[in-house]
mmCIF file of all heavy atoms, coordinates in Angstrom:
data_MODEL
# 
_entry.id   MODEL 
# 
loop_
_atom_site.group_PDB 
_atom_site.id 
_atom_site.type_symbol 
_atom_site.label_atom_id 
_atom_site.label_alt_id 
_atom_site.label_comp_id 
_atom_site.label_asym_id 
_atom_site.label_entity_id 
_atom_site.label_seq_id 
_atom_site.pdbx_PDB_ins_code 
_atom_site.Cartn_x 
_atom_site.Cartn_y 
_atom_site.Cartn_z 
_atom_site.occupancy 
_atom_site.B_iso_or_equiv 
_atom_site.pdbx_formal_charge 
_atom_site.auth_seq_id 
_atom_site.auth_comp_id 
_atom_site.auth_asym_id 
_atom_site.auth_atom_id 
_atom_site.pdbx_PDB_model_num 
ATOM 1   N N   . SER A 1 1  ? 107.439 68.291  107.385 1.00 0.00 ? 1  SER A N   1 
ATOM 2   C CA  . SER A 1 1  ? 107.111 68.476  105.975 1.00 0.00 ? 1  SER A CA  1 
ATOM 3   C C   . SER A 1 1  ? 106.330 69.767  105.760 1.00 0.00 ? 1  SER A C   1 
ATOM 4   O O   . SER A 1 1  ? 106.464 70.415  104.714 1.00 0.00 ? 1  SER A O   1 
ATOM 5   C CB  . SER A 1 1  ? 106.322 67.273  105.459 1.00 0.00 ? 1  SER A CB  1 
ATOM 6   O OG  . SER A 1 1  ? 106.275 67.267  104.055 1.00 0.00 ? 1  SER A OG  1 
ATOM 7   N N   . VAL A 1 2  ? 105.509 70.155  106.725 1.00 0.00 ? 2  VAL A N   1 
ATOM 8   C CA  . VAL A 1 2  ? 104.822 71.446  106.658 1.00 0.00 ? 2  VAL A CA  1 
ATOM 9   C C   . VAL A 1 2  ? 105.847 72.576  106.605 1.00 0.00 ? 2  VAL A C   1 
ATOM 10  O O   . VAL A 1 2  ? 105.723 73.516  105.801 1.00 0.00 ? 2  VAL A O   1 
ATOM 11  C CB  . VAL A 1 2  ? 103.868 71.623  107.860 1.00 0.00 ? 2  VAL A CB  1 
ATOM 12  C CG1 . VAL A 1 2  ? 103.381 73.064  107.959 1.00 0.00 ? 2  VAL A CG1 1 
ATOM 13  C CG2 . VAL A 1 2  ? 102.680 70.682  107.741 1.00 0.00 ? 2  VAL A CG2 1 
ATOM 14  N N   . VAL A 1 3  ? 106.864 72.499  107.448 1.00 0.00 ? 3  VAL A N   1 
ATOM 15  C CA  . VAL A 1 3  ? 107.913 73.523  107.445 1.00 0.00 ? 3  VAL A CA  1 
ATOM 16  C C   . VAL A 1 3  ? 108.605 73.577  106.085 1.00 0.00 ? 3  VAL A C   1 
ATOM 17  O O   . VAL A 1 3  ? 108.848 74.659  105.527 1.00 0.00 ? 3  VAL A O   1 
ATOM 18  C CB  . VAL A 1 3  ? 108.943 73.255  108.561 1.00 0.00 ? 3  VAL A CB  1 
ATOM 19  C CG1 . VAL A 1 3  ? 110.117 74.220  108.457 1.00 0.00 ? 3  VAL A CG1 1 
ATOM 20  C CG2 . VAL A 1 3  ? 108.283 73.384  109.929 1.00 0.00 ? 3  VAL A CG2 1 
ATOM 21  N N   . GLU A 1 4  ? 108.923 72.406  105.540 1.00 0.00 ? 4  GLU A N   1 
ATOM 22  C CA  . GLU A 1 4  ? 109.603 72.358  104.245 1.00 0.00 ? 4  GLU A CA  1 
ATOM 23  C C   . GLU A 1 4  ? 108.739 72.948  103.137 1.00 0.00 ? 4  GLU A C   1 
ATOM 24  O O   . GLU A 1 4  ? 109.224 73.696  102.273 1.00 0.00 ? 4  GLU A O   1 
ATOM 25  C CB  . GLU A 1 4  ? 109.967 70.910  103.925 1.00 0.00 ? 4  GLU A CB  1 
ATOM 26  C CG  . GLU A 1 4  ? 111.011 70.325  104.862 1.00 0.00 ? 4  GLU A CG  1 
ATOM 27  C CD  . GLU A 1 4  ? 111.156 68.820  104.725 1.00 0.00 ? 4  GLU A CD  1 
ATOM 28  O OE1 . GLU A 1 4  ? 110.594 68.266  103.756 1.00 0.00 ? 4  GLU A OE1 1 
ATOM 29  O OE2 . GLU A 1 4  ? 111.816 68.205  105.572 1.00 0.00 ? 4  GLU A OE2 1 
ATOM 30  N N   . ALA A 1 5  ? 107.453 72.606  103.131 1.00 0.00 ? 5  ALA A N   1 
ATOM 31  C CA  . ALA A 1 5  ? 106.553 73.144  102.119 1.00 0.00 ? 5  ALA A CA  1 
ATOM 32  C C   . ALA A 1 5  ? 106.413 74.657  102.255 1.00 0.00 ? 5  ALA A C   1 
ATOM 33  O O   . ALA A 1 5  ? 106.399 75.390  101.247 1.00 0.00 ? 5  ALA A O   1 
ATOM 34  C CB  . ALA A 1 5  ? 105.187 72.475  102.222 1.00 0.00 ? 5  ALA A CB  1 
ATOM 35  N N   . CYS A 1 6  ? 106.316 75.136  103.486 1.00 0.00 ? 6  CYS A N   1 
ATOM 36  C CA  . CYS A 1 6  ? 106.196 76.577  103.709 1.00 0.00 ? 6  CYS A CA  1 
ATOM 37  C C   . CYS A 1 6  ? 107.484 77.306  103.331 1.00 0.00 ? 6  CYS A C   1 
ATOM 38  O O   . CYS A 1 6  ? 107.444 78.444  102.844 1.00 0.00 ? 6  CYS A O   1 
ATOM 39  C CB  . CYS A 1 6  ? 105.819 76.859  105.160 1.00 0.00 ? 6  CYS A CB  1 
ATOM 40  S SG  . CYS A 1 6  ? 104.110 76.416  105.570 1.00 0.00 ? 6  CYS A SG  1 
ATOM 41  N N   . THR A 1 7  ? 108.622 76.663  103.558 1.00 0.00 ? 7  THR A N   1 
ATOM 42  C CA  . THR A 1 7  ? 109.891 77.262  103.131 1.00 0.00 ? 7  THR A CA  1 
ATOM 43  C C   . THR A 1 7  ? 109.914 77.431  101.615 1.00 0.00 ? 7  THR A C   1 
ATOM 44  O O   . THR A 1 7  ? 110.332 78.477  101.092 1.00 0.00 ? 7  THR A O   1 
ATOM 45  C CB  . THR A 1 7  ? 111.067 76.387  103.588 1.00 0.00 ? 7  THR A CB  1 
ATOM 46  O OG1 . THR A 1 7  ? 111.070 76.306  105.015 1.00 0.00 ? 7  THR A OG1 1 
ATOM 47  C CG2 . THR A 1 7  ? 112.396 76.972  103.115 1.00 0.00 ? 7  THR A CG2 1 
ATOM 48  N N   . LYS A 1 8  ? 109.466 76.428  100.899 1.00 0.00 ? 8  LYS A N   1 
ATOM 49  C CA  . LYS A 1 8  ? 109.412 76.518  99.431  1.00 0.00 ? 8  LYS A CA  1 
ATOM 50  C C   . LYS A 1 8  ? 108.400 77.567  98.980  1.00 0.00 ? 8  LYS A C   1 
ATOM 51  O O   . LYS A 1 8  ? 108.627 78.270  97.988  1.00 0.00 ? 8  LYS A O   1 
ATOM 52  C CB  . LYS A 1 8  ? 109.084 75.151  98.844  1.00 0.00 ? 8  LYS A CB  1 
ATOM 53  C CG  . LYS A 1 8  ? 110.213 74.139  99.018  1.00 0.00 ? 8  LYS A CG  1 
ATOM 54  C CD  . LYS A 1 8  ? 109.900 72.824  98.328  1.00 0.00 ? 8  LYS A CD  1 
ATOM 55  C CE  . LYS A 1 8  ? 111.069 71.851  98.466  1.00 0.00 ? 8  LYS A CE  1 
ATOM 56  N NZ  . LYS A 1 8  ? 110.825 70.573  97.778  1.00 0.00 ? 8  LYS A NZ  1 
ATOM 57  N N   . LEU A 1 9  ? 107.294 77.656  99.714  1.00 0.00 ? 9  LEU A N   1 
ATOM 58  C CA  . LEU A 1 9  ? 106.325 78.697  99.396  1.00 0.00 ? 9  LEU A CA  1 
ATOM 59  C C   . LEU A 1 9  ? 106.940 80.076  99.632  1.00 0.00 ? 9  LEU A C   1 
ATOM 60  O O   . LEU A 1 9  ? 106.735 81.008  98.832  1.00 0.00 ? 9  LEU A O   1 
ATOM 61  C CB  . LEU A 1 9  ? 105.069 78.519  100.245 1.00 0.00 ? 9  LEU A CB  1 
ATOM 62  C CG  . LEU A 1 9  ? 103.975 79.581  100.084 1.00 0.00 ? 9  LEU A CG  1 
ATOM 63  C CD1 . LEU A 1 9  ? 103.482 79.632  98.633  1.00 0.00 ? 9  LEU A CD1 1 
ATOM 64  C CD2 . LEU A 1 9  ? 102.813 79.307  101.032 1.00 0.00 ? 9  LEU A CD2 1 
ATOM 65  N N   . GLY A 1 10 ? 107.688 80.200  100.702 1.00 0.00 ? 10 GLY A N   1 
ATOM 66  C CA  . GLY A 1 10 ? 108.367 81.463  100.974 1.00 0.00 ? 10 GLY A CA  1 
ATOM 67  C C   . GLY A 1 10 ? 109.330 81.844  99.861  1.00 0.00 ? 10 GLY A C   1 
ATOM 68  O O   . GLY A 1 10 ? 109.435 83.021  99.476  1.00 0.00 ? 10 GLY A O   1 
ATOM 69  N N   . GLU A 1 11 ? 110.046 80.848  99.337  1.00 0.00 ? 11 GLU A N   1 
ATOM 70  C CA  . GLU A 1 11 ? 110.963 81.105  98.221  1.00 0.00 ? 11 GLU A CA  1 
ATOM 71  C C   . GLU A 1 11 ? 110.195 81.580  96.988  1.00 0.00 ? 11 GLU A C   1 
ATOM 72  O O   . GLU A 1 11 ? 110.645 82.484  96.265  1.00 0.00 ? 11 GLU A O   1 
ATOM 73  C CB  . GLU A 1 11 ? 111.751 79.841  97.908  1.00 0.00 ? 11 GLU A CB  1 
ATOM 74  C CG  . GLU A 1 11 ? 112.728 79.442  99.013  1.00 0.00 ? 11 GLU A CG  1 
ATOM 75  C CD  . GLU A 1 11 ? 113.353 78.072  98.782  1.00 0.00 ? 11 GLU A CD  1 
ATOM 76  O OE1 . GLU A 1 11 ? 112.847 77.335  97.915  1.00 0.00 ? 11 GLU A OE1 1 
ATOM 77  O OE2 . GLU A 1 11 ? 114.347 77.758  99.474  1.00 0.00 ? 11 GLU A OE2 1 
ATOM 78  N N   . ALA A 1 12 ? 109.025 80.966  96.742  1.00 0.00 ? 12 ALA A N   1 
ATOM 79  C CA  . ALA A 1 12 ? 108.214 81.373  95.597  1.00 0.00 ? 12 ALA A CA  1 
ATOM 80  C C   . ALA A 1 12 ? 107.683 82.793  95.778  1.00 0.00 ? 12 ALA A C   1 
ATOM 81  O O   . ALA A 1 12 ? 107.626 83.584  94.813  1.00 0.00 ? 12 ALA A O   1 
ATOM 82  C CB  . ALA A 1 12 ? 107.056 80.392  95.411  1.00 0.00 ? 12 ALA A CB  1 
ATOM 83  N N   . LEU A 1 13 ? 107.299 83.134  97.008  1.00 0.00 ? 13 LEU A N   1 
ATOM 84  C CA  . LEU A 1 13 ? 106.822 84.485  97.281  1.00 0.00 ? 13 LEU A CA  1 
ATOM 85  C C   . LEU A 1 13 ? 107.941 85.506  97.124  1.00 0.00 ? 13 LEU A C   1 
ATOM 86  O O   . LEU A 1 13 ? 107.732 86.610  96.585  1.00 0.00 ? 13 LEU A O   1 
ATOM 87  C CB  . LEU A 1 13 ? 106.242 84.552  98.696  1.00 0.00 ? 13 LEU A CB  1 
ATOM 88  C CG  . LEU A 1 13 ? 104.900 83.837  98.904  1.00 0.00 ? 13 LEU A CG  1 
ATOM 89  C CD1 . LEU A 1 13 ? 104.607 83.662  100.394 1.00 0.00 ? 13 LEU A CD1 1 
ATOM 90  C CD2 . LEU A 1 13 ? 103.769 84.607  98.215  1.00 0.00 ? 13 LEU A CD2 1 
ATOM 91  N N   . LEU A 1 14 ? 109.132 85.158  97.588  1.00 0.00 ? 14 LEU A N   1 
ATOM 92  C CA  . LEU A 1 14 ? 110.269 86.067  97.435  1.00 0.00 ? 14 LEU A CA  1 
ATOM 93  C C   . LEU A 1 14 ? 110.596 86.278  95.957  1.00 0.00 ? 14 LEU A C   1 
ATOM 94  O O   . LEU A 1 14 ? 110.884 87.408  95.523  1.00 0.00 ? 14 LEU A O   1 
ATOM 95  C CB  . LEU A 1 14 ? 111.486 85.508  98.179  1.00 0.00 ? 14 LEU A CB  1 
ATOM 96  C CG  . LEU A 1 14 ? 112.791 86.313  98.043  1.00 0.00 ? 14 LEU A CG  1 
ATOM 97  C CD1 . LEU A 1 14 ? 112.603 87.740  98.550  1.00 0.00 ? 14 LEU A CD1 1 
ATOM 98  C CD2 . LEU A 1 14 ? 113.925 85.613  98.791  1.00 0.00 ? 14 LEU A CD2 1 
ATOM 99  N N   . LYS A 1 15 ? 110.543 85.215  95.200  1.00 0.00 ? 15 LYS A N   1 
ATOM 100 C CA  . LYS A 1 15 ? 110.810 85.316  93.762  1.00 0.00 ? 15 LYS A CA  1 
ATOM 101 C C   . LYS A 1 15 ? 109.806 86.246  93.088  1.00 0.00 ? 15 LYS A C   1 
ATOM 102 O O   . LYS A 1 15 ? 110.163 87.070  92.231  1.00 0.00 ? 15 LYS A O   1 
ATOM 103 C CB  . LYS A 1 15 ? 110.758 83.929  93.136  1.00 0.00 ? 15 LYS A CB  1 
ATOM 104 C CG  . LYS A 1 15 ? 111.167 83.879  91.676  1.00 0.00 ? 15 LYS A CG  1 
ATOM 105 C CD  . LYS A 1 15 ? 111.184 82.444  91.170  1.00 0.00 ? 15 LYS A CD  1 
ATOM 106 C CE  . LYS A 1 15 ? 111.616 82.396  89.705  1.00 0.00 ? 15 LYS A CE  1 
ATOM 107 N NZ  . LYS A 1 15 ? 111.650 80.983  89.196  1.00 0.00 ? 15 LYS A NZ  1 
ATOM 108 N N   . GLN A 1 16 ? 108.524 86.136  93.492  1.00 0.00 ? 16 GLN A N   1 
ATOM 109 C CA  . GLN A 1 16 ? 107.512 87.029  92.938  1.00 0.00 ? 16 GLN A CA  1 
ATOM 110 C C   . GLN A 1 16 ? 107.740 88.459  93.414  1.00 0.00 ? 16 GLN A C   1 
ATOM 111 O O   . GLN A 1 16 ? 107.595 89.416  92.635  1.00 0.00 ? 16 GLN A O   1 
ATOM 112 C CB  . GLN A 1 16 ? 106.116 86.555  93.354  1.00 0.00 ? 16 GLN A CB  1 
ATOM 113 C CG  . GLN A 1 16 ? 104.983 87.516  93.024  1.00 0.00 ? 16 GLN A CG  1 
ATOM 114 C CD  . GLN A 1 16 ? 104.866 87.810  91.537  1.00 0.00 ? 16 GLN A CD  1 
ATOM 115 O OE1 . GLN A 1 16 ? 105.124 86.942  90.704  1.00 0.00 ? 16 GLN A OE1 1 
ATOM 116 N NE2 . GLN A 1 16 ? 104.505 89.051  91.203  1.00 0.00 ? 16 GLN A NE2 1 
ATOM 117 N N   . ALA A 1 17 ? 108.127 88.634  94.673  1.00 0.00 ? 17 ALA A N   1 
ATOM 118 C CA  . ALA A 1 17 ? 108.367 89.980  95.213  1.00 0.00 ? 17 ALA A CA  1 
ATOM 119 C C   . ALA A 1 17 ? 109.489 90.683  94.470  1.00 0.00 ? 17 ALA A C   1 
ATOM 120 O O   . ALA A 1 17 ? 109.459 91.916  94.289  1.00 0.00 ? 17 ALA A O   1 
ATOM 121 C CB  . ALA A 1 17 ? 108.690 89.884  96.702  1.00 0.00 ? 17 ALA A CB  1 
ATOM 122 N N   . GLN A 1 18 ? 110.468 89.904  94.037  1.00 0.00 ? 18 GLN A N   1 
ATOM 123 C CA  . GLN A 1 18 ? 111.603 90.506  93.332  1.00 0.00 ? 18 GLN A CA  1 
ATOM 124 C C   . GLN A 1 18 ? 111.233 90.998  91.940  1.00 0.00 ? 18 GLN A C   1 
ATOM 125 O O   . GLN A 1 18 ? 111.994 91.732  91.316  1.00 0.00 ? 18 GLN A O   1 
ATOM 126 C CB  . GLN A 1 18 ? 112.751 89.496  93.276  1.00 0.00 ? 18 GLN A CB  1 
ATOM 127 C CG  . GLN A 1 18 ? 113.378 89.252  94.641  1.00 0.00 ? 18 GLN A CG  1 
ATOM 128 C CD  . GLN A 1 18 ? 114.357 88.095  94.678  1.00 0.00 ? 18 GLN A CD  1 
ATOM 129 O OE1 . GLN A 1 18 ? 114.297 87.203  93.824  1.00 0.00 ? 18 GLN A OE1 1 
ATOM 130 N NE2 . GLN A 1 18 ? 115.251 88.108  95.649  1.00 0.00 ? 18 GLN A NE2 1 
ATOM 131 N N   . LYS A 1 19 ? 110.067 90.571  91.452  1.00 0.00 ? 19 LYS A N   1 
ATOM 132 C CA  . LYS A 1 19 ? 109.578 91.085  90.177  1.00 0.00 ? 19 LYS A CA  1 
ATOM 133 C C   . LYS A 1 19 ? 108.846 92.421  90.362  1.00 0.00 ? 19 LYS A C   1 
ATOM 134 O O   . LYS A 1 19 ? 108.516 93.093  89.383  1.00 0.00 ? 19 LYS A O   1 
ATOM 135 C CB  . LYS A 1 19 ? 108.615 90.078  89.541  1.00 0.00 ? 19 LYS A CB  1 
ATOM 136 C CG  . LYS A 1 19 ? 109.238 88.736  89.203  1.00 0.00 ? 19 LYS A CG  1 
ATOM 137 C CD  . LYS A 1 19 ? 108.179 87.791  88.640  1.00 0.00 ? 19 LYS A CD  1 
ATOM 138 C CE  . LYS A 1 19 ? 108.763 86.418  88.346  1.00 0.00 ? 19 LYS A CE  1 
ATOM 139 N NZ  . LYS A 1 19 ? 107.722 85.479  87.833  1.00 0.00 ? 19 LYS A NZ  1 
ATOM 140 N N   . MET A 1 20 ? 108.572 92.766  91.608  1.00 0.00 ? 20 MET A N   1 
ATOM 141 C CA  . MET A 1 20 ? 107.825 93.983  91.912  1.00 0.00 ? 20 MET A CA  1 
ATOM 142 C C   . MET A 1 20 ? 108.788 95.139  92.186  1.00 0.00 ? 20 MET A C   1 
ATOM 143 O O   . MET A 1 20 ? 109.999 94.944  92.381  1.00 0.00 ? 20 MET A O   1 
ATOM 144 C CB  . MET A 1 20 ? 106.910 93.731  93.118  1.00 0.00 ? 20 MET A CB  1 
ATOM 145 C CG  . MET A 1 20 ? 105.916 92.589  92.876  1.00 0.00 ? 20 MET A CG  1 
ATOM 146 S SD  . MET A 1 20 ? 105.121 91.975  94.369  1.00 0.00 ? 20 MET A SD  1 
ATOM 147 C CE  . MET A 1 20 ? 104.173 93.407  94.865  1.00 0.00 ? 20 MET A CE  1 
ATOM 148 N N   . ASP A 1 21 ? 108.268 96.322  92.230  1.00 0.00 ? 21 ASP A N   1 
ATOM 149 C CA  . ASP A 1 21 ? 109.097 97.524  92.382  1.00 0.00 ? 21 ASP A CA  1 
ATOM 150 C C   . ASP A 1 21 ? 109.388 97.785  93.859  1.00 0.00 ? 21 ASP A C   1 
ATOM 151 O O   . ASP A 1 21 ? 108.791 98.662  94.484  1.00 0.00 ? 21 ASP A O   1 
ATOM 152 C CB  . ASP A 1 21 ? 108.388 98.722  91.749  1.00 0.00 ? 21 ASP A CB  1 
ATOM 153 C CG  . ASP A 1 21 ? 109.297 99.959  91.731  1.00 0.00 ? 21 ASP A CG  1 
ATOM 154 O OD1 . ASP A 1 21 ? 110.524 99.775  91.854  1.00 0.00 ? 21 ASP A OD1 1 
ATOM 155 O OD2 . ASP A 1 21 ? 108.756 101.075 91.596  1.00 0.00 ? 21 ASP A OD2 1 
ATOM 156 N N   . HIS A 1 22 ? 110.284 96.969  94.418  1.00 0.00 ? 22 HIS A N   1 
ATOM 157 C CA  . HIS A 1 22 ? 110.683 97.141  95.825  1.00 0.00 ? 22 HIS A CA  1 
ATOM 158 C C   . HIS A 1 22 ? 112.168 96.818  95.911  1.00 0.00 ? 22 HIS A C   1 
ATOM 159 O O   . HIS A 1 22 ? 112.562 95.667  96.107  1.00 0.00 ? 22 HIS A O   1 
ATOM 160 C CB  . HIS A 1 22 ? 109.877 96.221  96.731  1.00 0.00 ? 22 HIS A CB  1 
ATOM 161 C CG  . HIS A 1 22 ? 109.858 96.678  98.163  1.00 0.00 ? 22 HIS A CG  1 
ATOM 162 N ND1 . HIS A 1 22 ? 110.996 96.958  98.872  1.00 0.00 ? 22 HIS A ND1 1 
ATOM 163 C CD2 . HIS A 1 22 ? 108.808 96.933  99.009  1.00 0.00 ? 22 HIS A CD2 1 
ATOM 164 C CE1 . HIS A 1 22 ? 110.686 97.328  100.102 1.00 0.00 ? 22 HIS A CE1 1 
ATOM 165 N NE2 . HIS A 1 22 ? 109.354 97.332  100.205 1.00 0.00 ? 22 HIS A NE2 1 
ATOM 166 N N   . PRO A 1 23 ? 113.009 97.823  95.763  1.00 0.00 ? 23 PRO A N   1 
ATOM 167 C CA  . PRO A 1 23 ? 114.456 97.586  95.644  1.00 0.00 ? 23 PRO A CA  1 
ATOM 168 C C   . PRO A 1 23 ? 115.078 96.865  96.840  1.00 0.00 ? 23 PRO A C   1 
ATOM 169 O O   . PRO A 1 23 ? 116.096 96.190  96.697  1.00 0.00 ? 23 PRO A O   1 
ATOM 170 C CB  . PRO A 1 23 ? 115.030 99.002  95.499  1.00 0.00 ? 23 PRO A CB  1 
ATOM 171 C CG  . PRO A 1 23 ? 113.958 99.915  96.023  1.00 0.00 ? 23 PRO A CG  1 
ATOM 172 C CD  . PRO A 1 23 ? 112.671 99.251  95.709  1.00 0.00 ? 23 PRO A CD  1 
ATOM 173 N N   . ALA A 1 24 ? 114.483 96.964  98.017  1.00 0.00 ? 24 ALA A N   1 
ATOM 174 C CA  . ALA A 1 24 ? 115.082 96.339  99.203  1.00 0.00 ? 24 ALA A CA  1 
ATOM 175 C C   . ALA A 1 24 ? 115.163 94.824  99.077  1.00 0.00 ? 24 ALA A C   1 
ATOM 176 O O   . ALA A 1 24 ? 116.023 94.181  99.692  1.00 0.00 ? 24 ALA A O   1 
ATOM 177 C CB  . ALA A 1 24 ? 114.295 96.721  100.451 1.00 0.00 ? 24 ALA A CB  1 
# 
């Protein structure tokens, strides 16, 4: 469950990163 929660956190971080100016 820790892995699953961290995976979801990673998705949230990626979503936020895509709002930032980093085209990669």
